[in-house]
Amino acid sequence: AAGSASSPEATRAAGQKFRDLILS
């Protein structure tokens, strides 16, 4: 989800998990 080799799908999936567990 980070770095030049990141993908939109991996970024969105990781972000959602961080949102669900931490931010929300």
PDBML (XML) file of the C-alpha atoms, coordinates in Angstrom:
<?xml version="1.0" encoding="UTF-8" ?>
<PDBx:datablock datablockName="MODEL"
   xmlns:PDBx="http://pdbml.pdb.org/schema/pdbx-v50.xsd"
   xmlns:xsi="http://www.w3.org/2001/XMLSchema-instance"
   xsi:schemaLocation="http://pdbml.pdb.org/schema/pdbx-v50.xsd pdbx-v50.xsd">
   <PDBx:atom_siteCategory>
      <PDBx:atom_site id="1">
         <PDBx:B_iso_or_equiv>0.00</PDBx:B_iso_or_equiv>
         <PDBx:Cartn_x>0.000</PDBx:Cartn_x>
         <PDBx:Cartn_y>0.000</PDBx:Cartn_y>
         <PDBx:Cartn_z>0.000</PDBx:Cartn_z>
         <PDBx:auth_asym_id>A</PDBx:auth_asym_id>
         <PDBx:auth_atom_id>CA</PDBx:auth_atom_id>
         <PDBx:auth_comp_id>ALA</PDBx:auth_comp_id>
         <PDBx:auth_seq_id>1</PDBx:auth_seq_id>
         <PDBx:group_PDB>ATOM</PDBx:group_PDB>
         <PDBx:label_alt_id xsi:nil="true" />
         <PDBx:label_asym_id>A</PDBx:label_asym_id>
         <PDBx:label_atom_id>CA</PDBx:label_atom_id>
         <PDBx:label_comp_id>ALA</PDBx:label_comp_id>
         <PDBx:label_entity_id>1</PDBx:label_entity_id>
         <PDBx:label_seq_id>1</PDBx:label_seq_id>
         <PDBx:occupancy>1.00</PDBx:occupancy>
         <PDBx:pdbx_PDB_model_num>1</PDBx:pdbx_PDB_model_num>
         <PDBx:type_symbol>C</PDBx:type_symbol>
      </PDBx:atom_site>
      <PDBx:atom_site id="2">
         <PDBx:B_iso_or_equiv>0.00</PDBx:B_iso_or_equiv>
         <PDBx:Cartn_x>3.047</PDBx:Cartn_x>
         <PDBx:Cartn_y>2.298</PDBx:Cartn_y>
         <PDBx:Cartn_z>-0.060</PDBx:Cartn_z>
         <PDBx:auth_asym_id>A</PDBx:auth_asym_id>
         <PDBx:auth_atom_id>CA</PDBx:auth_atom_id>
         <PDBx:auth_comp_id>ALA</PDBx:auth_comp_id>
         <PDBx:auth_seq_id>2</PDBx:auth_seq_id>
         <PDBx:group_PDB>ATOM</PDBx:group_PDB>
         <PDBx:label_alt_id xsi:nil="true" />
         <PDBx:label_asym_id>A</PDBx:label_asym_id>
         <PDBx:label_atom_id>CA</PDBx:label_atom_id>
         <PDBx:label_comp_id>ALA</PDBx:label_comp_id>
         <PDBx:label_entity_id>1</PDBx:label_entity_id>
         <PDBx:label_seq_id>2</PDBx:label_seq_id>
         <PDBx:occupancy>1.00</PDBx:occupancy>
         <PDBx:pdbx_PDB_model_num>1</PDBx:pdbx_PDB_model_num>
         <PDBx:type_symbol>C</PDBx:type_symbol>
      </PDBx:atom_site>
      <PDBx:atom_site id="3">
         <PDBx:B_iso_or_equiv>0.00</PDBx:B_iso_or_equiv>
         <PDBx:Cartn_x>6.085</PDBx:Cartn_x>
         <PDBx:Cartn_y>2.821</PDBx:Cartn_y>
         <PDBx:Cartn_z>-2.229</PDBx:Cartn_z>
         <PDBx:auth_asym_id>A</PDBx:auth_asym_id>
         <PDBx:auth_atom_id>CA</PDBx:auth_atom_id>
         <PDBx:auth_comp_id>GLY</PDBx:auth_comp_id>
         <PDBx:auth_seq_id>3</PDBx:auth_seq_id>
         <PDBx:group_PDB>ATOM</PDBx:group_PDB>
         <PDBx:label_alt_id xsi:nil="true" />
         <PDBx:label_asym_id>A</PDBx:label_asym_id>
         <PDBx:label_atom_id>CA</PDBx:label_atom_id>
         <PDBx:label_comp_id>GLY</PDBx:label_comp_id>
         <PDBx:label_entity_id>1</PDBx:label_entity_id>
         <PDBx:label_seq_id>3</PDBx:label_seq_id>
         <PDBx:occupancy>1.00</PDBx:occupancy>
         <PDBx:pdbx_PDB_model_num>1</PDBx:pdbx_PDB_model_num>
         <PDBx:type_symbol>C</PDBx:type_symbol>
      </PDBx:atom_site>
      <PDBx:atom_site id="4">
         <PDBx:B_iso_or_equiv>0.00</PDBx:B_iso_or_equiv>
         <PDBx:Cartn_x>6.508</PDBx:Cartn_x>
         <PDBx:Cartn_y>2.944</PDBx:Cartn_y>
         <PDBx:Cartn_z>-5.986</PDBx:Cartn_z>
         <PDBx:auth_asym_id>A</PDBx:auth_asym_id>
         <PDBx:auth_atom_id>CA</PDBx:auth_atom_id>
         <PDBx:auth_comp_id>SER</PDBx:auth_comp_id>
         <PDBx:auth_seq_id>4</PDBx:auth_seq_id>
         <PDBx:group_PDB>ATOM</PDBx:group_PDB>
         <PDBx:label_alt_id xsi:nil="true" />
         <PDBx:label_asym_id>A</PDBx:label_asym_id>
         <PDBx:label_atom_id>CA</PDBx:label_atom_id>
         <PDBx:label_comp_id>SER</PDBx:label_comp_id>
         <PDBx:label_entity_id>1</PDBx:label_entity_id>
         <PDBx:label_seq_id>4</PDBx:label_seq_id>
         <PDBx:occupancy>1.00</PDBx:occupancy>
         <PDBx:pdbx_PDB_model_num>1</PDBx:pdbx_PDB_model_num>
         <PDBx:type_symbol>C</PDBx:type_symbol>
      </PDBx:atom_site>
      <PDBx:atom_site id="5">
         <PDBx:B_iso_or_equiv>0.00</PDBx:B_iso_or_equiv>
         <PDBx:Cartn_x>5.271</PDBx:Cartn_x>
         <PDBx:Cartn_y>-0.645</PDBx:Cartn_y>
         <PDBx:Cartn_z>-6.403</PDBx:Cartn_z>
         <PDBx:auth_asym_id>A</PDBx:auth_asym_id>
         <PDBx:auth_atom_id>CA</PDBx:auth_atom_id>
         <PDBx:auth_comp_id>ALA</PDBx:auth_comp_id>
         <PDBx:auth_seq_id>5</PDBx:auth_seq_id>
         <PDBx:group_PDB>ATOM</PDBx:group_PDB>
         <PDBx:label_alt_id xsi:nil="true" />
         <PDBx:label_asym_id>A</PDBx:label_asym_id>
         <PDBx:label_atom_id>CA</PDBx:label_atom_id>
         <PDBx:label_comp_id>ALA</PDBx:label_comp_id>
         <PDBx:label_entity_id>1</PDBx:label_entity_id>
         <PDBx:label_seq_id>5</PDBx:label_seq_id>
         <PDBx:occupancy>1.00</PDBx:occupancy>
         <PDBx:pdbx_PDB_model_num>1</PDBx:pdbx_PDB_model_num>
         <PDBx:type_symbol>C</PDBx:type_symbol>
      </PDBx:atom_site>
      <PDBx:atom_site id="6">
         <PDBx:B_iso_or_equiv>0.00</PDBx:B_iso_or_equiv>
         <PDBx:Cartn_x>2.003</PDBx:Cartn_x>
         <PDBx:Cartn_y>-0.081</PDBx:Cartn_y>
         <PDBx:Cartn_z>-4.526</PDBx:Cartn_z>
         <PDBx:auth_asym_id>A</PDBx:auth_asym_id>
         <PDBx:auth_atom_id>CA</PDBx:auth_atom_id>
         <PDBx:auth_comp_id>SER</PDBx:auth_comp_id>
         <PDBx:auth_seq_id>6</PDBx:auth_seq_id>
         <PDBx:group_PDB>ATOM</PDBx:group_PDB>
         <PDBx:label_alt_id xsi:nil="true" />
         <PDBx:label_asym_id>A</PDBx:label_asym_id>
         <PDBx:label_atom_id>CA</PDBx:label_atom_id>
         <PDBx:label_comp_id>SER</PDBx:label_comp_id>
         <PDBx:label_entity_id>1</PDBx:label_entity_id>
         <PDBx:label_seq_id>6</PDBx:label_seq_id>
         <PDBx:occupancy>1.00</PDBx:occupancy>
         <PDBx:pdbx_PDB_model_num>1</PDBx:pdbx_PDB_model_num>
         <PDBx:type_symbol>C</PDBx:type_symbol>
      </PDBx:atom_site>
      <PDBx:atom_site id="7">
         <PDBx:B_iso_or_equiv>0.00</PDBx:B_iso_or_equiv>
         <PDBx:Cartn_x>-1.309</PDBx:Cartn_x>
         <PDBx:Cartn_y>-0.846</PDBx:Cartn_y>
         <PDBx:Cartn_z>-6.184</PDBx:Cartn_z>
         <PDBx:auth_asym_id>A</PDBx:auth_asym_id>
         <PDBx:auth_atom_id>CA</PDBx:auth_atom_id>
         <PDBx:auth_comp_id>SER</PDBx:auth_comp_id>
         <PDBx:auth_seq_id>7</PDBx:auth_seq_id>
         <PDBx:group_PDB>ATOM</PDBx:group_PDB>
         <PDBx:label_alt_id xsi:nil="true" />
         <PDBx:label_asym_id>A</PDBx:label_asym_id>
         <PDBx:label_atom_id>CA</PDBx:label_atom_id>
         <PDBx:label_comp_id>SER</PDBx:label_comp_id>
         <PDBx:label_entity_id>1</PDBx:label_entity_id>
         <PDBx:label_seq_id>7</PDBx:label_seq_id>
         <PDBx:occupancy>1.00</PDBx:occupancy>
         <PDBx:pdbx_PDB_model_num>1</PDBx:pdbx_PDB_model_num>
         <PDBx:type_symbol>C</PDBx:type_symbol>
      </PDBx:atom_site>
      <PDBx:atom_site id="8">
         <PDBx:B_iso_or_equiv>0.00</PDBx:B_iso_or_equiv>
         <PDBx:Cartn_x>-4.634</PDBx:Cartn_x>
         <PDBx:Cartn_y>1.020</PDBx:Cartn_y>
         <PDBx:Cartn_z>-5.877</PDBx:Cartn_z>
         <PDBx:auth_asym_id>A</PDBx:auth_asym_id>
         <PDBx:auth_atom_id>CA</PDBx:auth_atom_id>
         <PDBx:auth_comp_id>PRO</PDBx:auth_comp_id>
         <PDBx:auth_seq_id>8</PDBx:auth_seq_id>
         <PDBx:group_PDB>ATOM</PDBx:group_PDB>
         <PDBx:label_alt_id xsi:nil="true" />
         <PDBx:label_asym_id>A</PDBx:label_asym_id>
         <PDBx:label_atom_id>CA</PDBx:label_atom_id>
         <PDBx:label_comp_id>PRO</PDBx:label_comp_id>
         <PDBx:label_entity_id>1</PDBx:label_entity_id>
         <PDBx:label_seq_id>8</PDBx:label_seq_id>
         <PDBx:occupancy>1.00</PDBx:occupancy>
         <PDBx:pdbx_PDB_model_num>1</PDBx:pdbx_PDB_model_num>
         <PDBx:type_symbol>C</PDBx:type_symbol>
      </PDBx:atom_site>
      <PDBx:atom_site id="9">
         <PDBx:B_iso_or_equiv>0.00</PDBx:B_iso_or_equiv>
         <PDBx:Cartn_x>-6.369</PDBx:Cartn_x>
         <PDBx:Cartn_y>-2.151</PDBx:Cartn_y>
         <PDBx:Cartn_z>-4.680</PDBx:Cartn_z>
         <PDBx:auth_asym_id>A</PDBx:auth_asym_id>
         <PDBx:auth_atom_id>CA</PDBx:auth_atom_id>
         <PDBx:auth_comp_id>GLU</PDBx:auth_comp_id>
         <PDBx:auth_seq_id>9</PDBx:auth_seq_id>
         <PDBx:group_PDB>ATOM</PDBx:group_PDB>
         <PDBx:label_alt_id xsi:nil="true" />
         <PDBx:label_asym_id>A</PDBx:label_asym_id>
         <PDBx:label_atom_id>CA</PDBx:label_atom_id>
         <PDBx:label_comp_id>GLU</PDBx:label_comp_id>
         <PDBx:label_entity_id>1</PDBx:label_entity_id>
         <PDBx:label_seq_id>9</PDBx:label_seq_id>
         <PDBx:occupancy>1.00</PDBx:occupancy>
         <PDBx:pdbx_PDB_model_num>1</PDBx:pdbx_PDB_model_num>
         <PDBx:type_symbol>C</PDBx:type_symbol>
      </PDBx:atom_site>
      <PDBx:atom_site id="10">
         <PDBx:B_iso_or_equiv>0.00</PDBx:B_iso_or_equiv>
         <PDBx:Cartn_x>-3.800</PDBx:Cartn_x>
         <PDBx:Cartn_y>-2.872</PDBx:Cartn_y>
         <PDBx:Cartn_z>-1.958</PDBx:Cartn_z>
         <PDBx:auth_asym_id>A</PDBx:auth_asym_id>
         <PDBx:auth_atom_id>CA</PDBx:auth_atom_id>
         <PDBx:auth_comp_id>ALA</PDBx:auth_comp_id>
         <PDBx:auth_seq_id>10</PDBx:auth_seq_id>
         <PDBx:group_PDB>ATOM</PDBx:group_PDB>
         <PDBx:label_alt_id xsi:nil="true" />
         <PDBx:label_asym_id>A</PDBx:label_asym_id>
         <PDBx:label_atom_id>CA</PDBx:label_atom_id>
         <PDBx:label_comp_id>ALA</PDBx:label_comp_id>
         <PDBx:label_entity_id>1</PDBx:label_entity_id>
         <PDBx:label_seq_id>10</PDBx:label_seq_id>
         <PDBx:occupancy>1.00</PDBx:occupancy>
         <PDBx:pdbx_PDB_model_num>1</PDBx:pdbx_PDB_model_num>
         <PDBx:type_symbol>C</PDBx:type_symbol>
      </PDBx:atom_site>
      <PDBx:atom_site id="11">
         <PDBx:B_iso_or_equiv>0.00</PDBx:B_iso_or_equiv>
         <PDBx:Cartn_x>-3.776</PDBx:Cartn_x>
         <PDBx:Cartn_y>0.771</PDBx:Cartn_y>
         <PDBx:Cartn_z>-0.873</PDBx:Cartn_z>
         <PDBx:auth_asym_id>A</PDBx:auth_asym_id>
         <PDBx:auth_atom_id>CA</PDBx:auth_atom_id>
         <PDBx:auth_comp_id>THR</PDBx:auth_comp_id>
         <PDBx:auth_seq_id>11</PDBx:auth_seq_id>
         <PDBx:group_PDB>ATOM</PDBx:group_PDB>
         <PDBx:label_alt_id xsi:nil="true" />
         <PDBx:label_asym_id>A</PDBx:label_asym_id>
         <PDBx:label_atom_id>CA</PDBx:label_atom_id>
         <PDBx:label_comp_id>THR</PDBx:label_comp_id>
         <PDBx:label_entity_id>1</PDBx:label_entity_id>
         <PDBx:label_seq_id>11</PDBx:label_seq_id>
         <PDBx:occupancy>1.00</PDBx:occupancy>
         <PDBx:pdbx_PDB_model_num>1</PDBx:pdbx_PDB_model_num>
         <PDBx:type_symbol>C</PDBx:type_symbol>
      </PDBx:atom_site>
      <PDBx:atom_site id="12">
         <PDBx:B_iso_or_equiv>0.00</PDBx:B_iso_or_equiv>
         <PDBx:Cartn_x>-7.546</PDBx:Cartn_x>
         <PDBx:Cartn_y>0.900</PDBx:Cartn_y>
         <PDBx:Cartn_z>-0.544</PDBx:Cartn_z>
         <PDBx:auth_asym_id>A</PDBx:auth_asym_id>
         <PDBx:auth_atom_id>CA</PDBx:auth_atom_id>
         <PDBx:auth_comp_id>ARG</PDBx:auth_comp_id>
         <PDBx:auth_seq_id>12</PDBx:auth_seq_id>
         <PDBx:group_PDB>ATOM</PDBx:group_PDB>
         <PDBx:label_alt_id xsi:nil="true" />
         <PDBx:label_asym_id>A</PDBx:label_asym_id>
         <PDBx:label_atom_id>CA</PDBx:label_atom_id>
         <PDBx:label_comp_id>ARG</PDBx:label_comp_id>
         <PDBx:label_entity_id>1</PDBx:label_entity_id>
         <PDBx:label_seq_id>12</PDBx:label_seq_id>
         <PDBx:occupancy>1.00</PDBx:occupancy>
         <PDBx:pdbx_PDB_model_num>1</PDBx:pdbx_PDB_model_num>
         <PDBx:type_symbol>C</PDBx:type_symbol>
      </PDBx:atom_site>
      <PDBx:atom_site id="13">
         <PDBx:B_iso_or_equiv>0.00</PDBx:B_iso_or_equiv>
         <PDBx:Cartn_x>-7.724</PDBx:Cartn_x>
         <PDBx:Cartn_y>-2.428</PDBx:Cartn_y>
         <PDBx:Cartn_z>1.325</PDBx:Cartn_z>
         <PDBx:auth_asym_id>A</PDBx:auth_asym_id>
         <PDBx:auth_atom_id>CA</PDBx:auth_atom_id>
         <PDBx:auth_comp_id>ALA</PDBx:auth_comp_id>
         <PDBx:auth_seq_id>13</PDBx:auth_seq_id>
         <PDBx:group_PDB>ATOM</PDBx:group_PDB>
         <PDBx:label_alt_id xsi:nil="true" />
         <PDBx:label_asym_id>A</PDBx:label_asym_id>
         <PDBx:label_atom_id>CA</PDBx:label_atom_id>
         <PDBx:label_comp_id>ALA</PDBx:label_comp_id>
         <PDBx:label_entity_id>1</PDBx:label_entity_id>
         <PDBx:label_seq_id>13</PDBx:label_seq_id>
         <PDBx:occupancy>1.00</PDBx:occupancy>
         <PDBx:pdbx_PDB_model_num>1</PDBx:pdbx_PDB_model_num>
         <PDBx:type_symbol>C</PDBx:type_symbol>
      </PDBx:atom_site>
      <PDBx:atom_site id="14">
         <PDBx:B_iso_or_equiv>0.00</PDBx:B_iso_or_equiv>
         <PDBx:Cartn_x>-5.016</PDBx:Cartn_x>
         <PDBx:Cartn_y>-1.437</PDBx:Cartn_y>
         <PDBx:Cartn_z>3.787</PDBx:Cartn_z>
         <PDBx:auth_asym_id>A</PDBx:auth_asym_id>
         <PDBx:auth_atom_id>CA</PDBx:auth_atom_id>
         <PDBx:auth_comp_id>ALA</PDBx:auth_comp_id>
         <PDBx:auth_seq_id>14</PDBx:auth_seq_id>
         <PDBx:group_PDB>ATOM</PDBx:group_PDB>
         <PDBx:label_alt_id xsi:nil="true" />
         <PDBx:label_asym_id>A</PDBx:label_asym_id>
         <PDBx:label_atom_id>CA</PDBx:label_atom_id>
         <PDBx:label_comp_id>ALA</PDBx:label_comp_id>
         <PDBx:label_entity_id>1</PDBx:label_entity_id>
         <PDBx:label_seq_id>14</PDBx:label_seq_id>
         <PDBx:occupancy>1.00</PDBx:occupancy>
         <PDBx:pdbx_PDB_model_num>1</PDBx:pdbx_PDB_model_num>
         <PDBx:type_symbol>C</PDBx:type_symbol>
      </PDBx:atom_site>
      <PDBx:atom_site id="15">
         <PDBx:B_iso_or_equiv>0.00</PDBx:B_iso_or_equiv>
         <PDBx:Cartn_x>-6.565</PDBx:Cartn_x>
         <PDBx:Cartn_y>2.000</PDBx:Cartn_y>
         <PDBx:Cartn_z>4.271</PDBx:Cartn_z>
         <PDBx:auth_asym_id>A</PDBx:auth_asym_id>
         <PDBx:auth_atom_id>CA</PDBx:auth_atom_id>
         <PDBx:auth_comp_id>GLY</PDBx:auth_comp_id>
         <PDBx:auth_seq_id>15</PDBx:auth_seq_id>
         <PDBx:group_PDB>ATOM</PDBx:group_PDB>
         <PDBx:label_alt_id xsi:nil="true" />
         <PDBx:label_asym_id>A</PDBx:label_asym_id>
         <PDBx:label_atom_id>CA</PDBx:label_atom_id>
         <PDBx:label_comp_id>GLY</PDBx:label_comp_id>
         <PDBx:label_entity_id>1</PDBx:label_entity_id>
         <PDBx:label_seq_id>15</PDBx:label_seq_id>
         <PDBx:occupancy>1.00</PDBx:occupancy>
         <PDBx:pdbx_PDB_model_num>1</PDBx:pdbx_PDB_model_num>
         <PDBx:type_symbol>C</PDBx:type_symbol>
      </PDBx:atom_site>
      <PDBx:atom_site id="16">
         <PDBx:B_iso_or_equiv>0.00</PDBx:B_iso_or_equiv>
         <PDBx:Cartn_x>-9.957</PDBx:Cartn_x>
         <PDBx:Cartn_y>0.503</PDBx:Cartn_y>
         <PDBx:Cartn_z>5.012</PDBx:Cartn_z>
         <PDBx:auth_asym_id>A</PDBx:auth_asym_id>
         <PDBx:auth_atom_id>CA</PDBx:auth_atom_id>
         <PDBx:auth_comp_id>GLN</PDBx:auth_comp_id>
         <PDBx:auth_seq_id>16</PDBx:auth_seq_id>
         <PDBx:group_PDB>ATOM</PDBx:group_PDB>
         <PDBx:label_alt_id xsi:nil="true" />
         <PDBx:label_asym_id>A</PDBx:label_asym_id>
         <PDBx:label_atom_id>CA</PDBx:label_atom_id>
         <PDBx:label_comp_id>GLN</PDBx:label_comp_id>
         <PDBx:label_entity_id>1</PDBx:label_entity_id>
         <PDBx:label_seq_id>16</PDBx:label_seq_id>
         <PDBx:occupancy>1.00</PDBx:occupancy>
         <PDBx:pdbx_PDB_model_num>1</PDBx:pdbx_PDB_model_num>
         <PDBx:type_symbol>C</PDBx:type_symbol>
      </PDBx:atom_site>
      <PDBx:atom_site id="17">
         <PDBx:B_iso_or_equiv>0.00</PDBx:B_iso_or_equiv>
         <PDBx:Cartn_x>-8.496</PDBx:Cartn_x>
         <PDBx:Cartn_y>-1.806</PDBx:Cartn_y>
         <PDBx:Cartn_z>7.638</PDBx:Cartn_z>
         <PDBx:auth_asym_id>A</PDBx:auth_asym_id>
         <PDBx:auth_atom_id>CA</PDBx:auth_atom_id>
         <PDBx:auth_comp_id>LYS</PDBx:auth_comp_id>
         <PDBx:auth_seq_id>17</PDBx:auth_seq_id>
         <PDBx:group_PDB>ATOM</PDBx:group_PDB>
         <PDBx:label_alt_id xsi:nil="true" />
         <PDBx:label_asym_id>A</PDBx:label_asym_id>
         <PDBx:label_atom_id>CA</PDBx:label_atom_id>
         <PDBx:label_comp_id>LYS</PDBx:label_comp_id>
         <PDBx:label_entity_id>1</PDBx:label_entity_id>
         <PDBx:label_seq_id>17</PDBx:label_seq_id>
         <PDBx:occupancy>1.00</PDBx:occupancy>
         <PDBx:pdbx_PDB_model_num>1</PDBx:pdbx_PDB_model_num>
         <PDBx:type_symbol>C</PDBx:type_symbol>
      </PDBx:atom_site>
      <PDBx:atom_site id="18">
         <PDBx:B_iso_or_equiv>0.00</PDBx:B_iso_or_equiv>
         <PDBx:Cartn_x>-6.647</PDBx:Cartn_x>
         <PDBx:Cartn_y>1.097</PDBx:Cartn_y>
         <PDBx:Cartn_z>9.276</PDBx:Cartn_z>
         <PDBx:auth_asym_id>A</PDBx:auth_asym_id>
         <PDBx:auth_atom_id>CA</PDBx:auth_atom_id>
         <PDBx:auth_comp_id>PHE</PDBx:auth_comp_id>
         <PDBx:auth_seq_id>18</PDBx:auth_seq_id>
         <PDBx:group_PDB>ATOM</PDBx:group_PDB>
         <PDBx:label_alt_id xsi:nil="true" />
         <PDBx:label_asym_id>A</PDBx:label_asym_id>
         <PDBx:label_atom_id>CA</PDBx:label_atom_id>
         <PDBx:label_comp_id>PHE</PDBx:label_comp_id>
         <PDBx:label_entity_id>1</PDBx:label_entity_id>
         <PDBx:label_seq_id>18</PDBx:label_seq_id>
         <PDBx:occupancy>1.00</PDBx:occupancy>
         <PDBx:pdbx_PDB_model_num>1</PDBx:pdbx_PDB_model_num>
         <PDBx:type_symbol>C</PDBx:type_symbol>
      </PDBx:atom_site>
      <PDBx:atom_site id="19">
         <PDBx:B_iso_or_equiv>0.00</PDBx:B_iso_or_equiv>
         <PDBx:Cartn_x>-9.855</PDBx:Cartn_x>
         <PDBx:Cartn_y>3.130</PDBx:Cartn_y>
         <PDBx:Cartn_z>9.169</PDBx:Cartn_z>
         <PDBx:auth_asym_id>A</PDBx:auth_asym_id>
         <PDBx:auth_atom_id>CA</PDBx:auth_atom_id>
         <PDBx:auth_comp_id>ARG</PDBx:auth_comp_id>
         <PDBx:auth_seq_id>19</PDBx:auth_seq_id>
         <PDBx:group_PDB>ATOM</PDBx:group_PDB>
         <PDBx:label_alt_id xsi:nil="true" />
         <PDBx:label_asym_id>A</PDBx:label_asym_id>
         <PDBx:label_atom_id>CA</PDBx:label_atom_id>
         <PDBx:label_comp_id>ARG</PDBx:label_comp_id>
         <PDBx:label_entity_id>1</PDBx:label_entity_id>
         <PDBx:label_seq_id>19</PDBx:label_seq_id>
         <PDBx:occupancy>1.00</PDBx:occupancy>
         <PDBx:pdbx_PDB_model_num>1</PDBx:pdbx_PDB_model_num>
         <PDBx:type_symbol>C</PDBx:type_symbol>
      </PDBx:atom_site>
      <PDBx:atom_site id="20">
         <PDBx:B_iso_or_equiv>0.00</PDBx:B_iso_or_equiv>
         <PDBx:Cartn_x>-11.926</PDBx:Cartn_x>
         <PDBx:Cartn_y>0.318</PDBx:Cartn_y>
         <PDBx:Cartn_z>10.687</PDBx:Cartn_z>
         <PDBx:auth_asym_id>A</PDBx:auth_asym_id>
         <PDBx:auth_atom_id>CA</PDBx:auth_atom_id>
         <PDBx:auth_comp_id>ASP</PDBx:auth_comp_id>
         <PDBx:auth_seq_id>20</PDBx:auth_seq_id>
         <PDBx:group_PDB>ATOM</PDBx:group_PDB>
         <PDBx:label_alt_id xsi:nil="true" />
         <PDBx:label_asym_id>A</PDBx:label_asym_id>
         <PDBx:label_atom_id>CA</PDBx:label_atom_id>
         <PDBx:label_comp_id>ASP</PDBx:label_comp_id>
         <PDBx:label_entity_id>1</PDBx:label_entity_id>
         <PDBx:label_seq_id>20</PDBx:label_seq_id>
         <PDBx:occupancy>1.00</PDBx:occupancy>
         <PDBx:pdbx_PDB_model_num>1</PDBx:pdbx_PDB_model_num>
         <PDBx:type_symbol>C</PDBx:type_symbol>
      </PDBx:atom_site>
      <PDBx:atom_site id="21">
         <PDBx:B_iso_or_equiv>0.00</PDBx:B_iso_or_equiv>
         <PDBx:Cartn_x>-9.494</PDBx:Cartn_x>
         <PDBx:Cartn_y>-0.585</PDBx:Cartn_y>
         <PDBx:Cartn_z>13.468</PDBx:Cartn_z>
         <PDBx:auth_asym_id>A</PDBx:auth_asym_id>
         <PDBx:auth_atom_id>CA</PDBx:auth_atom_id>
         <PDBx:auth_comp_id>LEU</PDBx:auth_comp_id>
         <PDBx:auth_seq_id>21</PDBx:auth_seq_id>
         <PDBx:group_PDB>ATOM</PDBx:group_PDB>
         <PDBx:label_alt_id xsi:nil="true" />
         <PDBx:label_asym_id>A</PDBx:label_asym_id>
         <PDBx:label_atom_id>CA</PDBx:label_atom_id>
         <PDBx:label_comp_id>LEU</PDBx:label_comp_id>
         <PDBx:label_entity_id>1</PDBx:label_entity_id>
         <PDBx:label_seq_id>21</PDBx:label_seq_id>
         <PDBx:occupancy>1.00</PDBx:occupancy>
         <PDBx:pdbx_PDB_model_num>1</PDBx:pdbx_PDB_model_num>
         <PDBx:type_symbol>C</PDBx:type_symbol>
      </PDBx:atom_site>
      <PDBx:atom_site id="22">
         <PDBx:B_iso_or_equiv>0.00</PDBx:B_iso_or_equiv>
         <PDBx:Cartn_x>-7.907</PDBx:Cartn_x>
         <PDBx:Cartn_y>2.763</PDBx:Cartn_y>
         <PDBx:Cartn_z>14.339</PDBx:Cartn_z>
         <PDBx:auth_asym_id>A</PDBx:auth_asym_id>
         <PDBx:auth_atom_id>CA</PDBx:auth_atom_id>
         <PDBx:auth_comp_id>ILE</PDBx:auth_comp_id>
         <PDBx:auth_seq_id>22</PDBx:auth_seq_id>
         <PDBx:group_PDB>ATOM</PDBx:group_PDB>
         <PDBx:label_alt_id xsi:nil="true" />
         <PDBx:label_asym_id>A</PDBx:label_asym_id>
         <PDBx:label_atom_id>CA</PDBx:label_atom_id>
         <PDBx:label_comp_id>ILE</PDBx:label_comp_id>
         <PDBx:label_entity_id>1</PDBx:label_entity_id>
         <PDBx:label_seq_id>22</PDBx:label_seq_id>
         <PDBx:occupancy>1.00</PDBx:occupancy>
         <PDBx:pdbx_PDB_model_num>1</PDBx:pdbx_PDB_model_num>
         <PDBx:type_symbol>C</PDBx:type_symbol>
      </PDBx:atom_site>
      <PDBx:atom_site id="23">
         <PDBx:B_iso_or_equiv>0.00</PDBx:B_iso_or_equiv>
         <PDBx:Cartn_x>-9.472</PDBx:Cartn_x>
         <PDBx:Cartn_y>5.889</PDBx:Cartn_y>
         <PDBx:Cartn_z>12.853</PDBx:Cartn_z>
         <PDBx:auth_asym_id>A</PDBx:auth_asym_id>
         <PDBx:auth_atom_id>CA</PDBx:auth_atom_id>
         <PDBx:auth_comp_id>LEU</PDBx:auth_comp_id>
         <PDBx:auth_seq_id>23</PDBx:auth_seq_id>
         <PDBx:group_PDB>ATOM</PDBx:group_PDB>
         <PDBx:label_alt_id xsi:nil="true" />
         <PDBx:label_asym_id>A</PDBx:label_asym_id>
         <PDBx:label_atom_id>CA</PDBx:label_atom_id>
         <PDBx:label_comp_id>LEU</PDBx:label_comp_id>
         <PDBx:label_entity_id>1</PDBx:label_entity_id>
         <PDBx:label_seq_id>23</PDBx:label_seq_id>
         <PDBx:occupancy>1.00</PDBx:occupancy>
         <PDBx:pdbx_PDB_model_num>1</PDBx:pdbx_PDB_model_num>
         <PDBx:type_symbol>C</PDBx:type_symbol>
      </PDBx:atom_site>
      <PDBx:atom_site id="24">
         <PDBx:B_iso_or_equiv>0.00</PDBx:B_iso_or_equiv>
         <PDBx:Cartn_x>-13.140</PDBx:Cartn_x>
         <PDBx:Cartn_y>5.071</PDBx:Cartn_y>
         <PDBx:Cartn_z>13.334</PDBx:Cartn_z>
         <PDBx:auth_asym_id>A</PDBx:auth_asym_id>
         <PDBx:auth_atom_id>CA</PDBx:auth_atom_id>
         <PDBx:auth_comp_id>SER</PDBx:auth_comp_id>
         <PDBx:auth_seq_id>24</PDBx:auth_seq_id>
         <PDBx:group_PDB>ATOM</PDBx:group_PDB>
         <PDBx:label_alt_id xsi:nil="true" />
         <PDBx:label_asym_id>A</PDBx:label_asym_id>
         <PDBx:label_atom_id>CA</PDBx:label_atom_id>
         <PDBx:label_comp_id>SER</PDBx:label_comp_id>
         <PDBx:label_entity_id>1</PDBx:label_entity_id>
         <PDBx:label_seq_id>24</PDBx:label_seq_id>
         <PDBx:occupancy>1.00</PDBx:occupancy>
         <PDBx:pdbx_PDB_model_num>1</PDBx:pdbx_PDB_model_num>
         <PDBx:type_symbol>C</PDBx:type_symbol>
      </PDBx:atom_site>
   </PDBx:atom_siteCategory>
</PDBx:datablock>
